[in-house]
Amino acid sequence: MMNLPQQVSEIISNTLQIDQSARTLDQETALIGAIPEFDSMAVVSIITALEERFGFTVDDDEIDASIFETVGTLVTFVEGKLQAG
C-alpha cells in the first residue's frame, strides 16, 4: 500500500496530467505558482479527488493558498482531515 505522500502525489499527477516519470513530486515540490497546470480549476479537482479517495469533506472556508504551497503542506492538510474524521 502506498503511503499518504505517495497517494497525494499520485492524485496531483493524475489530476494535472503530469507525467510522473518526467517530474518527481516530493514533499518539497512547490505547487501554486510553480506548476503551470496548477490553477484554480486544478485546486477544485484535487480537493474533489482527495475527498473521494479518503472519504472526508472539505469546506470552502478551509481552502487556503497555504495548503497548496508544496506537496508537503497538502499532505499535512490531508493528515489533519483524516485525524479529525
N, C-alpha and C. Protein backbone atom coordinates (compact mmCIF):
# COMPACT_ATOMS: atom_id res chain seq x y z
N MET A 1 0.84 -1.19 0.00
CA MET A 1 0.00 0.00 0.00
C MET A 1 0.88 1.26 0.00
N MET A 2 0.47 2.23 -0.77
CA MET A 2 1.22 3.48 -0.85
C MET A 2 1.02 4.29 0.43
N ASN A 3 2.07 5.01 0.82
CA ASN A 3 1.91 5.89 1.97
C ASN A 3 1.18 7.15 1.54
N LEU A 4 0.81 7.96 2.52
CA LEU A 4 -0.01 9.14 2.24
C LEU A 4 0.66 10.11 1.26
N PRO A 5 1.94 10.47 1.46
CA PRO A 5 2.57 11.38 0.48
C PRO A 5 2.54 10.83 -0.95
N GLN A 6 2.73 9.51 -1.10
CA GLN A 6 2.68 8.92 -2.44
C GLN A 6 1.28 9.03 -3.02
N GLN A 7 0.27 8.79 -2.19
CA GLN A 7 -1.11 8.86 -2.67
C GLN A 7 -1.47 10.29 -3.08
N VAL A 8 -1.06 11.26 -2.28
CA VAL A 8 -1.35 12.66 -2.60
C VAL A 8 -0.62 13.06 -3.88
N SER A 9 0.65 12.65 -4.02
CA SER A 9 1.41 12.95 -5.24
C SER A 9 0.76 12.34 -6.47
N GLU A 10 0.25 11.12 -6.31
CA GLU A 10 -0.42 10.45 -7.43
C GLU A 10 -1.68 11.22 -7.84
N ILE A 11 -2.45 11.67 -6.86
CA ILE A 11 -3.66 12.44 -7.15
C ILE A 11 -3.30 13.73 -7.89
N ILE A 12 -2.25 14.42 -7.43
CA ILE A 12 -1.81 15.65 -8.10
C ILE A 12 -1.40 15.34 -9.54
N SER A 13 -0.58 14.33 -9.71
CA SER A 13 -0.09 13.98 -11.06
C SER A 13 -1.24 13.60 -11.98
N ASN A 14 -2.16 12.78 -11.47
CA ASN A 14 -3.29 12.35 -12.30
C ASN A 14 -4.21 13.52 -12.64
N THR A 15 -4.47 14.38 -11.67
CA THR A 15 -5.38 15.50 -11.88
C THR A 15 -4.79 16.50 -12.88
N LEU A 16 -3.50 16.78 -12.73
CA LEU A 16 -2.85 17.75 -13.61
C LEU A 16 -2.32 17.12 -14.89
N GLN A 17 -2.47 15.79 -14.99
CA GLN A 17 -1.97 15.03 -16.13
C GLN A 17 -0.48 15.28 -16.36
N ILE A 18 0.26 15.19 -15.25
CA ILE A 18 1.72 15.33 -15.30
C ILE A 18 2.30 13.93 -15.43
N ASP A 19 3.25 13.78 -16.30
CA ASP A 19 3.94 12.50 -16.45
C ASP A 19 4.87 12.34 -15.24
N GLN A 20 4.55 11.36 -14.38
CA GLN A 20 5.32 11.18 -13.15
C GLN A 20 6.78 10.83 -13.41
N SER A 21 7.05 10.17 -14.52
CA SER A 21 8.45 9.82 -14.81
C SER A 21 9.25 11.07 -15.19
N ALA A 22 8.55 12.07 -15.74
CA ALA A 22 9.23 13.30 -16.15
C ALA A 22 9.39 14.27 -14.98
N ARG A 23 8.54 14.14 -14.00
CA ARG A 23 8.57 15.07 -12.87
C ARG A 23 8.28 14.31 -11.59
N THR A 24 9.24 14.29 -10.71
CA THR A 24 9.05 13.62 -9.44
C THR A 24 8.50 14.62 -8.44
N LEU A 25 7.39 14.28 -7.84
CA LEU A 25 6.80 15.13 -6.81
C LEU A 25 7.24 14.61 -5.45
N ASP A 26 7.88 15.48 -4.68
CA ASP A 26 8.21 15.10 -3.31
C ASP A 26 7.65 16.15 -2.36
N GLN A 27 7.90 15.99 -1.07
CA GLN A 27 7.31 16.88 -0.07
C GLN A 27 7.67 18.34 -0.31
N GLU A 28 8.82 18.59 -0.94
CA GLU A 28 9.30 19.95 -1.15
C GLU A 28 8.80 20.58 -2.44
N THR A 29 8.17 19.79 -3.30
CA THR A 29 7.74 20.30 -4.61
C THR A 29 6.73 21.43 -4.44
N ALA A 30 7.06 22.60 -4.99
CA ALA A 30 6.14 23.74 -4.94
C ALA A 30 5.00 23.50 -5.91
N LEU A 31 3.81 23.94 -5.53
CA LEU A 31 2.63 23.73 -6.36
C LEU A 31 2.13 25.03 -6.97
N ILE A 32 1.34 25.80 -6.21
CA ILE A 32 0.77 27.04 -6.75
C ILE A 32 1.90 27.98 -7.17
N GLY A 33 1.81 28.45 -8.40
CA GLY A 33 2.81 29.38 -8.91
C GLY A 33 4.03 28.70 -9.50
N ALA A 34 4.20 27.42 -9.24
CA ALA A 34 5.38 26.72 -9.73
C ALA A 34 5.05 25.75 -10.86
N ILE A 35 3.85 25.19 -10.83
CA ILE A 35 3.42 24.26 -11.87
C ILE A 35 2.36 24.97 -12.69
N PRO A 36 2.64 25.20 -13.99
CA PRO A 36 1.69 25.97 -14.82
C PRO A 36 0.27 25.41 -14.80
N GLU A 37 0.15 24.08 -14.76
CA GLU A 37 -1.18 23.47 -14.79
C GLU A 37 -1.96 23.67 -13.49
N PHE A 38 -1.26 24.11 -12.44
CA PHE A 38 -1.89 24.21 -11.13
C PHE A 38 -2.61 25.55 -11.00
N ASP A 39 -3.87 25.57 -11.47
CA ASP A 39 -4.68 26.78 -11.42
C ASP A 39 -5.88 26.55 -10.51
N SER A 40 -6.80 27.50 -10.48
CA SER A 40 -7.94 27.38 -9.57
C SER A 40 -8.80 26.16 -9.89
N MET A 41 -8.91 25.83 -11.15
CA MET A 41 -9.68 24.63 -11.51
C MET A 41 -8.98 23.37 -11.01
N ALA A 42 -7.66 23.38 -11.06
CA ALA A 42 -6.89 22.23 -10.55
C ALA A 42 -7.10 22.07 -9.06
N VAL A 43 -7.15 23.19 -8.33
CA VAL A 43 -7.38 23.13 -6.89
C VAL A 43 -8.71 22.43 -6.60
N VAL A 44 -9.76 22.82 -7.31
CA VAL A 44 -11.08 22.22 -7.12
C VAL A 44 -11.03 20.73 -7.45
N SER A 45 -10.38 20.38 -8.56
CA SER A 45 -10.29 18.97 -8.97
C SER A 45 -9.51 18.14 -7.96
N ILE A 46 -8.43 18.69 -7.44
CA ILE A 46 -7.61 17.96 -6.47
C ILE A 46 -8.38 17.78 -5.16
N ILE A 47 -9.05 18.82 -4.70
CA ILE A 47 -9.87 18.70 -3.48
C ILE A 47 -10.91 17.60 -3.66
N THR A 48 -11.59 17.60 -4.81
CA THR A 48 -12.61 16.58 -5.09
C THR A 48 -12.00 15.18 -5.09
N ALA A 49 -10.85 15.03 -5.72
CA ALA A 49 -10.18 13.72 -5.77
C ALA A 49 -9.76 13.27 -4.37
N LEU A 50 -9.27 14.18 -3.56
CA LEU A 50 -8.88 13.85 -2.18
C LEU A 50 -10.10 13.42 -1.37
N GLU A 51 -11.20 14.14 -1.53
CA GLU A 51 -12.44 13.79 -0.81
C GLU A 51 -12.90 12.39 -1.20
N GLU A 52 -12.85 12.08 -2.50
CA GLU A 52 -13.28 10.77 -2.97
C GLU A 52 -12.36 9.67 -2.48
N ARG A 53 -11.05 9.90 -2.54
CA ARG A 53 -10.07 8.87 -2.16
C ARG A 53 -10.12 8.58 -0.66
N PHE A 54 -10.21 9.65 0.14
CA PHE A 54 -10.04 9.48 1.59
C PHE A 54 -11.35 9.58 2.38
N GLY A 55 -12.45 9.94 1.72
CA GLY A 55 -13.75 9.92 2.38
C GLY A 55 -14.00 11.04 3.39
N PHE A 56 -13.36 12.18 3.19
CA PHE A 56 -13.67 13.33 4.04
C PHE A 56 -14.26 14.44 3.19
N THR A 57 -14.75 15.49 3.85
CA THR A 57 -15.32 16.64 3.15
C THR A 57 -14.50 17.87 3.50
N VAL A 58 -14.23 18.69 2.50
CA VAL A 58 -13.50 19.93 2.71
C VAL A 58 -14.48 21.09 2.50
N ASP A 59 -14.62 21.91 3.53
CA ASP A 59 -15.49 23.08 3.43
C ASP A 59 -14.75 24.20 2.71
N ASP A 60 -15.50 25.05 2.01
CA ASP A 60 -14.89 26.15 1.27
C ASP A 60 -14.00 27.03 2.15
N ASP A 61 -14.43 27.24 3.40
CA ASP A 61 -13.64 28.12 4.27
C ASP A 61 -12.34 27.47 4.77
N GLU A 62 -12.17 26.18 4.50
CA GLU A 62 -10.92 25.51 4.86
C GLU A 62 -9.86 25.67 3.77
N ILE A 63 -10.29 26.01 2.57
CA ILE A 63 -9.37 26.07 1.44
C ILE A 63 -8.61 27.39 1.47
N ASP A 64 -7.30 27.27 1.48
CA ASP A 64 -6.42 28.41 1.66
C ASP A 64 -5.19 28.16 0.79
N ALA A 65 -4.65 29.21 0.22
CA ALA A 65 -3.49 29.06 -0.67
C ALA A 65 -2.32 28.36 0.04
N SER A 66 -2.20 28.55 1.36
CA SER A 66 -1.07 27.96 2.08
C SER A 66 -1.10 26.43 2.05
N ILE A 67 -2.30 25.86 1.91
CA ILE A 67 -2.42 24.40 1.81
C ILE A 67 -1.72 23.89 0.56
N PHE A 68 -1.72 24.71 -0.48
CA PHE A 68 -1.21 24.30 -1.78
C PHE A 68 0.18 24.86 -2.10
N GLU A 69 0.92 25.27 -1.05
CA GLU A 69 2.27 25.77 -1.29
C GLU A 69 3.18 24.67 -1.82
N THR A 70 3.17 23.52 -1.14
CA THR A 70 4.01 22.39 -1.55
C THR A 70 3.21 21.10 -1.41
N VAL A 71 3.77 20.03 -1.93
CA VAL A 71 3.15 18.71 -1.73
C VAL A 71 3.06 18.44 -0.23
N GLY A 72 4.11 18.78 0.51
CA GLY A 72 4.14 18.54 1.95
C GLY A 72 3.03 19.26 2.71
N THR A 73 2.75 20.52 2.35
CA THR A 73 1.67 21.24 3.04
C THR A 73 0.32 20.62 2.72
N LEU A 74 0.17 20.10 1.53
CA LEU A 74 -1.08 19.44 1.17
C LEU A 74 -1.22 18.12 1.92
N VAL A 75 -0.13 17.37 2.03
CA VAL A 75 -0.13 16.11 2.80
C VAL A 75 -0.50 16.39 4.26
N THR A 76 0.08 17.43 4.83
CA THR A 76 -0.22 17.81 6.22
C THR A 76 -1.71 18.12 6.39
N PHE A 77 -2.28 18.83 5.42
CA PHE A 77 -3.72 19.14 5.46
C PHE A 77 -4.54 17.85 5.44
N VAL A 78 -4.18 16.91 4.53
CA VAL A 78 -4.92 15.64 4.42
C VAL A 78 -4.79 14.86 5.73
N GLU A 79 -3.59 14.83 6.31
CA GLU A 79 -3.39 14.13 7.59
C GLU A 79 -4.32 14.70 8.66
N GLY A 80 -4.41 16.03 8.70
CA GLY A 80 -5.30 16.67 9.67
C GLY A 80 -6.75 16.30 9.47
N LYS A 81 -7.18 16.25 8.21
CA LYS A 81 -8.56 15.85 7.90
C LYS A 81 -8.82 14.42 8.31
N LEU A 82 -7.85 13.54 8.06
CA LEU A 82 -8.03 12.12 8.41
C LEU A 82 -8.09 11.93 9.93
N GLN A 83 -7.28 12.68 10.66
CA GLN A 83 -7.26 12.55 12.12
C GLN A 83 -8.54 13.14 12.72
N ALA A 84 -9.05 14.19 12.11
CA ALA A 84 -10.27 14.83 12.62
C ALA A 84 -11.50 13.98 12.32
N GLY A 85 -11.41 13.22 11.21
CA GLY A 85 -12.56 12.45 10.73
C GLY A 85 -12.94 11.34 11.63
